[in-house]
Amino acid sequence: MSEVTISQRSLCLEAAVRAASAAIESAREQGLNIVVAVVDRAGHTLCLQRMENAFLHSSGIAEDKAYTAASFGLPTSSWAENVKGNPRLAEGLNVRPRMVMFGGGLPIIIEETCVGGIGVSGGTAAEDEACARAGLAAL
């Protein structure tokens, strides 16, 4: 093994499409119109699917939720609790581009390694997270 490079595991395209499709199916069952984004470990978008009547802003929000979840390896919904009692941290994180601190983004953890993230936007934070969990379940 080289002393100047590392190898990292990351999500593949086929898995990203499978997760996104499951999230869309969950949204249909709930009567929602969503956008789902799946990113690899580096935060690059592998799959972005938008239901026909989803809000236009939901595309960017879904991608940012997936990016945030992959970058920290934490659900986006956990940030409210993580910054509780630390207003300076909350203020600093809130101004970071692509940082999302409300529900709908989940890390994709395979064998204890974060290999990507999934983000859903279009419903409430709880509805978005439920759709994202359906996407994870498909993996």
N, C-alpha and C. Protein backbone atom coordinates (compact mmCIF):
# COMPACT_ATOMS: atom_id res chain seq x y z
N MET A 1 0.84 -1.19 0.00
CA MET A 1 0.00 0.00 0.00
C MET A 1 0.88 1.24 0.00
N SER A 2 0.50 2.20 -0.80
CA SER A 2 1.26 3.43 -0.93
C SER A 2 1.13 4.30 0.31
N GLU A 3 2.18 5.05 0.61
CA GLU A 3 2.14 5.95 1.74
C GLU A 3 1.62 7.34 1.36
N VAL A 4 1.26 7.53 0.09
CA VAL A 4 0.77 8.82 -0.34
C VAL A 4 -0.64 8.80 -0.92
N THR A 5 -1.25 7.64 -0.98
CA THR A 5 -2.62 7.54 -1.48
C THR A 5 -3.44 6.67 -0.54
N ILE A 6 -4.74 6.82 -0.66
CA ILE A 6 -5.66 5.97 0.11
C ILE A 6 -6.72 5.44 -0.83
N SER A 7 -7.35 4.38 -0.44
CA SER A 7 -8.49 3.83 -1.18
C SER A 7 -9.73 3.99 -0.31
N GLN A 8 -10.82 4.41 -0.93
CA GLN A 8 -12.08 4.57 -0.20
C GLN A 8 -13.19 3.87 -0.95
N ARG A 9 -14.10 3.29 -0.19
CA ARG A 9 -15.28 2.66 -0.78
C ARG A 9 -16.32 3.74 -1.03
N SER A 10 -17.05 3.60 -2.13
CA SER A 10 -18.08 4.56 -2.47
C SER A 10 -19.25 3.83 -3.12
N LEU A 11 -20.39 4.46 -3.09
CA LEU A 11 -21.61 3.90 -3.67
C LEU A 11 -21.51 3.84 -5.19
N CYS A 12 -22.05 2.78 -5.78
CA CYS A 12 -22.05 2.66 -7.24
C CYS A 12 -23.38 3.19 -7.81
N LEU A 13 -23.37 3.46 -9.10
CA LEU A 13 -24.54 4.01 -9.80
C LEU A 13 -25.76 3.11 -9.67
N GLU A 14 -25.59 1.83 -9.85
CA GLU A 14 -26.73 0.91 -9.80
C GLU A 14 -27.42 0.95 -8.44
N ALA A 15 -26.65 1.02 -7.37
CA ALA A 15 -27.24 1.10 -6.03
C ALA A 15 -27.95 2.44 -5.84
N ALA A 16 -27.37 3.50 -6.37
CA ALA A 16 -27.98 4.83 -6.26
C ALA A 16 -29.35 4.86 -6.95
N VAL A 17 -29.43 4.29 -8.12
CA VAL A 17 -30.70 4.25 -8.86
C VAL A 17 -31.73 3.41 -8.10
N ARG A 18 -31.29 2.28 -7.55
CA ARG A 18 -32.19 1.42 -6.78
C ARG A 18 -32.75 2.16 -5.56
N ALA A 19 -31.88 2.87 -4.85
CA ALA A 19 -32.32 3.62 -3.66
C ALA A 19 -33.29 4.74 -4.05
N ALA A 20 -32.96 5.46 -5.12
CA ALA A 20 -33.82 6.57 -5.56
C ALA A 20 -35.19 6.05 -5.98
N SER A 21 -35.21 4.96 -6.70
CA SER A 21 -36.49 4.39 -7.15
C SER A 21 -37.36 3.97 -5.97
N ALA A 22 -36.74 3.39 -4.95
CA ALA A 22 -37.50 2.99 -3.75
C ALA A 22 -38.05 4.21 -3.01
N ALA A 23 -37.29 5.29 -2.96
CA ALA A 23 -37.77 6.52 -2.32
C ALA A 23 -38.96 7.10 -3.08
N ILE A 24 -38.89 7.07 -4.42
CA ILE A 24 -39.99 7.56 -5.25
C ILE A 24 -41.25 6.71 -5.02
N GLU A 25 -41.06 5.40 -4.95
CA GLU A 25 -42.20 4.51 -4.72
C GLU A 25 -42.84 4.81 -3.36
N SER A 26 -42.03 5.03 -2.35
CA SER A 26 -42.56 5.38 -1.03
C SER A 26 -43.35 6.69 -1.10
N ALA A 27 -42.83 7.66 -1.84
CA ALA A 27 -43.54 8.94 -1.98
C ALA A 27 -44.89 8.74 -2.66
N ARG A 28 -44.92 7.92 -3.70
CA ARG A 28 -46.19 7.65 -4.39
C ARG A 28 -47.21 7.05 -3.43
N GLU A 29 -46.77 6.11 -2.62
CA GLU A 29 -47.66 5.47 -1.65
C GLU A 29 -48.21 6.47 -0.64
N GLN A 30 -47.44 7.53 -0.35
CA GLN A 30 -47.86 8.54 0.62
C GLN A 30 -48.59 9.72 -0.05
N GLY A 31 -48.68 9.69 -1.38
CA GLY A 31 -49.32 10.78 -2.09
C GLY A 31 -48.47 12.04 -2.17
N LEU A 32 -47.16 11.88 -2.15
CA LEU A 32 -46.23 13.01 -2.18
C LEU A 32 -45.62 13.18 -3.56
N ASN A 33 -45.13 14.37 -3.84
CA ASN A 33 -44.33 14.65 -5.03
C ASN A 33 -42.97 15.12 -4.54
N ILE A 34 -41.94 14.33 -4.80
CA ILE A 34 -40.62 14.61 -4.24
C ILE A 34 -39.55 14.66 -5.31
N VAL A 35 -38.40 15.11 -4.86
CA VAL A 35 -37.15 14.94 -5.59
C VAL A 35 -36.25 14.13 -4.68
N VAL A 36 -35.54 13.17 -5.25
CA VAL A 36 -34.58 12.39 -4.48
C VAL A 36 -33.23 12.49 -5.16
N ALA A 37 -32.21 12.70 -4.34
CA ALA A 37 -30.83 12.75 -4.83
C ALA A 37 -30.01 11.73 -4.08
N VAL A 38 -29.11 11.07 -4.78
CA VAL A 38 -28.19 10.13 -4.16
C VAL A 38 -26.78 10.54 -4.59
N VAL A 39 -25.90 10.69 -3.59
CA VAL A 39 -24.52 11.09 -3.87
C VAL A 39 -23.56 10.00 -3.42
N ASP A 40 -22.36 10.05 -3.99
CA ASP A 40 -21.32 9.10 -3.56
C ASP A 40 -20.60 9.66 -2.34
N ARG A 41 -19.58 8.98 -1.89
CA ARG A 41 -18.85 9.36 -0.68
C ARG A 41 -18.27 10.76 -0.77
N ALA A 42 -17.88 11.18 -1.96
CA ALA A 42 -17.29 12.50 -2.16
C ALA A 42 -18.34 13.59 -2.35
N GLY A 43 -19.62 13.23 -2.33
CA GLY A 43 -20.69 14.20 -2.49
C GLY A 43 -21.08 14.48 -3.93
N HIS A 44 -20.54 13.69 -4.86
CA HIS A 44 -20.90 13.86 -6.27
C HIS A 44 -22.25 13.18 -6.53
N THR A 45 -23.13 13.86 -7.24
CA THR A 45 -24.45 13.32 -7.52
C THR A 45 -24.35 12.15 -8.48
N LEU A 46 -24.89 11.02 -8.05
CA LEU A 46 -24.97 9.82 -8.89
C LEU A 46 -26.33 9.73 -9.55
N CYS A 47 -27.37 10.14 -8.83
CA CYS A 47 -28.74 9.99 -9.33
C CYS A 47 -29.60 11.11 -8.77
N LEU A 48 -30.38 11.72 -9.64
CA LEU A 48 -31.33 12.74 -9.24
C LEU A 48 -32.63 12.45 -9.99
N GLN A 49 -33.70 12.18 -9.23
CA GLN A 49 -34.99 11.91 -9.84
C GLN A 49 -36.02 12.89 -9.28
N ARG A 50 -36.78 13.51 -10.18
CA ARG A 50 -37.80 14.48 -9.79
C ARG A 50 -39.15 14.00 -10.29
N MET A 51 -40.09 13.85 -9.36
CA MET A 51 -41.45 13.52 -9.75
C MET A 51 -42.05 14.72 -10.46
N GLU A 52 -42.98 14.47 -11.36
CA GLU A 52 -43.50 15.48 -12.26
C GLU A 52 -43.99 16.75 -11.57
N ASN A 53 -44.64 16.64 -10.43
CA ASN A 53 -45.22 17.81 -9.79
C ASN A 53 -44.47 18.26 -8.53
N ALA A 54 -43.22 17.84 -8.42
CA ALA A 54 -42.42 18.25 -7.26
C ALA A 54 -42.06 19.74 -7.38
N PHE A 55 -41.87 20.38 -6.25
CA PHE A 55 -41.47 21.78 -6.23
C PHE A 55 -40.13 21.96 -6.94
N LEU A 56 -39.97 23.06 -7.64
CA LEU A 56 -38.73 23.31 -8.37
C LEU A 56 -37.51 23.40 -7.45
N HIS A 57 -37.65 24.06 -6.31
CA HIS A 57 -36.53 24.20 -5.38
C HIS A 57 -36.13 22.87 -4.73
N SER A 58 -37.00 21.89 -4.80
CA SER A 58 -36.71 20.62 -4.15
C SER A 58 -35.49 19.91 -4.74
N SER A 59 -35.17 20.17 -5.99
CA SER A 59 -34.00 19.52 -6.59
C SER A 59 -32.72 19.91 -5.86
N GLY A 60 -32.50 21.19 -5.71
CA GLY A 60 -31.30 21.65 -5.01
C GLY A 60 -31.29 21.26 -3.55
N ILE A 61 -32.46 21.32 -2.91
CA ILE A 61 -32.54 20.96 -1.50
C ILE A 61 -32.24 19.48 -1.30
N ALA A 62 -32.77 18.61 -2.15
CA ALA A 62 -32.51 17.17 -2.04
C ALA A 62 -31.01 16.88 -2.21
N GLU A 63 -30.39 17.53 -3.20
CA GLU A 63 -28.95 17.32 -3.40
C GLU A 63 -28.15 17.79 -2.19
N ASP A 64 -28.54 18.93 -1.62
CA ASP A 64 -27.81 19.44 -0.45
C ASP A 64 -28.03 18.57 0.78
N LYS A 65 -29.21 17.99 0.92
CA LYS A 65 -29.45 17.06 2.04
C LYS A 65 -28.56 15.83 1.90
N ALA A 66 -28.50 15.27 0.69
CA ALA A 66 -27.65 14.10 0.46
C ALA A 66 -26.18 14.43 0.71
N TYR A 67 -25.75 15.59 0.23
CA TYR A 67 -24.36 16.05 0.39
C TYR A 67 -24.01 16.20 1.86
N THR A 68 -24.89 16.84 2.63
CA THR A 68 -24.66 17.05 4.06
C THR A 68 -24.57 15.71 4.78
N ALA A 69 -25.49 14.80 4.48
CA ALA A 69 -25.50 13.48 5.14
C ALA A 69 -24.23 12.70 4.82
N ALA A 70 -23.79 12.74 3.57
CA ALA A 70 -22.58 12.01 3.18
C ALA A 70 -21.34 12.65 3.79
N SER A 71 -21.32 13.98 3.85
CA SER A 71 -20.10 14.65 4.32
C SER A 71 -19.84 14.46 5.80
N PHE A 72 -20.90 14.33 6.60
CA PHE A 72 -20.73 14.14 8.03
C PHE A 72 -21.02 12.72 8.49
N GLY A 73 -21.68 11.92 7.63
CA GLY A 73 -22.05 10.57 8.05
C GLY A 73 -23.16 10.58 9.09
N LEU A 74 -23.98 11.63 9.07
CA LEU A 74 -25.06 11.80 10.04
C LEU A 74 -26.35 12.19 9.32
N PRO A 75 -27.49 11.81 9.88
CA PRO A 75 -28.76 12.29 9.31
C PRO A 75 -28.84 13.81 9.45
N THR A 76 -29.41 14.47 8.46
CA THR A 76 -29.55 15.91 8.55
C THR A 76 -30.45 16.32 9.71
N SER A 77 -31.38 15.46 10.09
CA SER A 77 -32.28 15.77 11.20
C SER A 77 -31.55 15.84 12.54
N SER A 78 -30.35 15.29 12.64
CA SER A 78 -29.61 15.27 13.91
C SER A 78 -28.98 16.63 14.24
N TRP A 79 -28.91 17.53 13.26
CA TRP A 79 -28.19 18.78 13.50
C TRP A 79 -28.88 19.70 14.48
N ALA A 80 -30.19 19.71 14.56
CA ALA A 80 -30.87 20.56 15.53
C ALA A 80 -30.40 20.23 16.94
N GLU A 81 -30.31 18.94 17.23
CA GLU A 81 -29.84 18.50 18.55
C GLU A 81 -28.34 18.74 18.72
N ASN A 82 -27.58 18.54 17.66
CA ASN A 82 -26.12 18.69 17.73
C ASN A 82 -25.70 20.13 18.04
N VAL A 83 -26.48 21.10 17.60
CA VAL A 83 -26.10 22.50 17.84
C VAL A 83 -26.86 23.13 19.00
N LYS A 84 -27.75 22.35 19.60
CA LYS A 84 -28.54 22.86 20.73
C LYS A 84 -27.59 23.34 21.82
N GLY A 85 -27.82 24.54 22.30
CA GLY A 85 -26.97 25.08 23.36
C GLY A 85 -25.68 25.70 22.84
N ASN A 86 -25.49 25.70 21.53
CA ASN A 86 -24.29 26.29 20.95
C ASN A 86 -24.70 27.19 19.77
N PRO A 87 -25.25 28.36 20.07
CA PRO A 87 -25.75 29.22 19.00
C PRO A 87 -24.68 29.66 18.01
N ARG A 88 -23.45 29.80 18.46
CA ARG A 88 -22.38 30.19 17.53
C ARG A 88 -22.12 29.10 16.50
N LEU A 89 -22.16 27.84 16.93
CA LEU A 89 -21.99 26.73 16.00
C LEU A 89 -23.15 26.69 15.02
N ALA A 90 -24.37 26.84 15.53
CA ALA A 90 -25.55 26.84 14.65
C ALA A 90 -25.46 27.97 13.64
N GLU A 91 -25.07 29.14 14.09
CA GLU A 91 -24.94 30.29 13.19
C GLU A 91 -23.86 30.05 12.13
N GLY A 92 -22.75 29.49 12.55
CA GLY A 92 -21.66 29.22 11.60
C GLY A 92 -22.03 28.16 10.58
N LEU A 93 -22.67 27.08 11.02
CA LEU A 93 -23.05 26.02 10.09
C LEU A 93 -24.14 26.48 9.13
N ASN A 94 -25.04 27.31 9.62
CA ASN A 94 -26.15 27.77 8.78
C ASN A 94 -25.70 28.61 7.59
N VAL A 95 -24.54 29.20 7.66
CA VAL A 95 -24.07 30.01 6.53
C VAL A 95 -23.17 29.22 5.58
N ARG A 96 -22.92 27.97 5.90
CA ARG A 96 -22.10 27.13 5.03
C ARG A 96 -22.92 26.74 3.79
N PRO A 97 -22.37 26.93 2.61
CA PRO A 97 -23.09 26.48 1.41
C PRO A 97 -23.36 24.98 1.48
N ARG A 98 -24.54 24.58 1.07
CA ARG A 98 -24.97 23.19 0.96
C ARG A 98 -25.24 22.51 2.30
N MET A 99 -25.09 23.20 3.41
CA MET A 99 -25.35 22.61 4.73
C MET A 99 -26.85 22.65 5.00
N VAL A 100 -27.43 21.48 5.31
CA VAL A 100 -28.86 21.38 5.63
C VAL A 100 -28.99 20.84 7.04
N MET A 101 -29.80 21.52 7.85
CA MET A 101 -29.93 21.14 9.25
C MET A 101 -31.36 20.77 9.62
N PHE A 102 -32.09 20.16 8.66
CA PHE A 102 -33.43 19.65 8.94
C PHE A 102 -33.59 18.32 8.21
N GLY A 103 -34.59 17.55 8.57
CA GLY A 103 -34.73 16.18 8.14
C GLY A 103 -34.91 15.96 6.64
N GLY A 104 -34.50 14.76 6.22
CA GLY A 104 -34.66 14.34 4.84
C GLY A 104 -33.39 13.85 4.19
N GLY A 105 -32.27 13.98 4.88
CA GLY A 105 -31.00 13.48 4.35
C GLY A 105 -30.43 12.42 5.27
N LEU A 106 -30.02 11.29 4.70
CA LEU A 106 -29.46 10.18 5.48
C LEU A 106 -28.15 9.71 4.87
N PRO A 107 -27.19 9.38 5.73
CA PRO A 107 -25.97 8.78 5.19
C PRO A 107 -26.24 7.35 4.75
N ILE A 108 -25.51 6.90 3.79
CA ILE A 108 -25.60 5.50 3.36
C ILE A 108 -24.39 4.79 3.95
N ILE A 109 -24.67 3.95 4.94
CA ILE A 109 -23.62 3.25 5.68
C ILE A 109 -23.64 1.78 5.27
N ILE A 110 -22.54 1.30 4.75
CA ILE A 110 -22.39 -0.10 4.38
C ILE A 110 -21.19 -0.64 5.13
N GLU A 111 -21.42 -1.69 5.91
CA GLU A 111 -20.37 -2.32 6.71
C GLU A 111 -19.57 -1.28 7.50
N GLU A 112 -20.30 -0.41 8.21
CA GLU A 112 -19.75 0.61 9.10
C GLU A 112 -18.97 1.71 8.38
N THR A 113 -19.13 1.82 7.06
CA THR A 113 -18.45 2.86 6.29
C THR A 113 -19.49 3.70 5.57
N CYS A 114 -19.36 5.01 5.68
CA CYS A 114 -20.24 5.91 4.93
C CYS A 114 -19.78 5.91 3.48
N VAL A 115 -20.65 5.44 2.59
CA VAL A 115 -20.31 5.34 1.16
C VAL A 115 -21.10 6.33 0.31
N GLY A 116 -21.96 7.14 0.94
CA GLY A 116 -22.75 8.10 0.19
C GLY A 116 -23.85 8.69 1.05
N GLY A 117 -24.79 9.33 0.39
CA GLY A 117 -25.92 9.92 1.09
C GLY A 117 -27.13 9.97 0.19
N ILE A 118 -28.30 10.00 0.81
CA ILE A 118 -29.56 10.13 0.07
C ILE A 118 -30.33 11.31 0.67
N GLY A 119 -30.87 12.14 -0.19
CA GLY A 119 -31.64 13.29 0.25
C GLY A 119 -32.96 13.35 -0.47
N VAL A 120 -34.01 13.68 0.26
CA VAL A 120 -35.36 13.77 -0.30
C VAL A 120 -35.94 15.13 0.10
N SER A 121 -36.63 15.76 -0.85
CA SER A 121 -37.29 17.03 -0.58
C SER A 121 -38.62 17.07 -1.31
N GLY A 122 -39.61 17.64 -0.66
CA GLY A 122 -40.93 17.78 -1.26
C GLY A 122 -42.06 17.64 -0.27
N GLY A 123 -41.82 16.93 0.82
CA GLY A 123 -42.82 16.77 1.86
C GLY A 123 -42.36 17.47 3.13
N THR A 124 -42.93 17.08 4.26
CA THR A 124 -42.42 17.58 5.53
C THR A 124 -41.08 16.89 5.79
N ALA A 125 -40.35 17.38 6.77
CA ALA A 125 -39.07 16.76 7.10
C ALA A 125 -39.27 15.27 7.44
N ALA A 126 -40.31 14.96 8.19
CA ALA A 126 -40.58 13.56 8.57
C ALA A 126 -40.94 12.72 7.34
N GLU A 127 -41.76 13.27 6.44
CA GLU A 127 -42.13 12.53 5.22
C GLU A 127 -40.90 12.31 4.33
N ASP A 128 -40.08 13.35 4.21
CA ASP A 128 -38.86 13.23 3.40
C ASP A 128 -37.96 12.14 3.97
N GLU A 129 -37.79 12.14 5.28
CA GLU A 129 -36.91 11.14 5.90
C GLU A 129 -37.48 9.73 5.73
N ALA A 130 -38.80 9.58 5.82
CA ALA A 130 -39.41 8.27 5.60
C ALA A 130 -39.12 7.76 4.19
N CYS A 131 -39.19 8.63 3.20
CA CYS A 131 -38.88 8.24 1.83
C CYS A 131 -37.40 7.87 1.69
N ALA A 132 -36.54 8.66 2.33
CA ALA A 132 -35.10 8.35 2.30
C ALA A 132 -34.82 7.00 2.96
N ARG A 133 -35.52 6.71 4.05
CA ARG A 133 -35.33 5.41 4.72
C ARG A 133 -35.78 4.26 3.81
N ALA A 134 -36.82 4.48 3.04
CA ALA A 134 -37.25 3.47 2.07
C ALA A 134 -36.16 3.24 1.05
N GLY A 135 -35.49 4.31 0.65
CA GLY A 135 -34.37 4.17 -0.27
C GLY A 135 -33.24 3.36 0.34
N LEU A 136 -32.94 3.60 1.59
CA LEU A 136 -31.88 2.83 2.27
C LEU A 136 -32.27 1.35 2.37
N ALA A 137 -33.54 1.11 2.66
CA ALA A 137 -34.02 -0.28 2.80
C ALA A 137 -33.83 -1.07 1.51
N ALA A 138 -33.86 -0.39 0.37
CA ALA A 138 -33.70 -1.07 -0.92
C ALA A 138 -32.26 -1.53 -1.15
N LEU A 139 -31.35 -1.03 -0.35
CA LEU A 139 -29.95 -1.43 -0.48
C LEU A 139 -29.64 -2.63 0.38
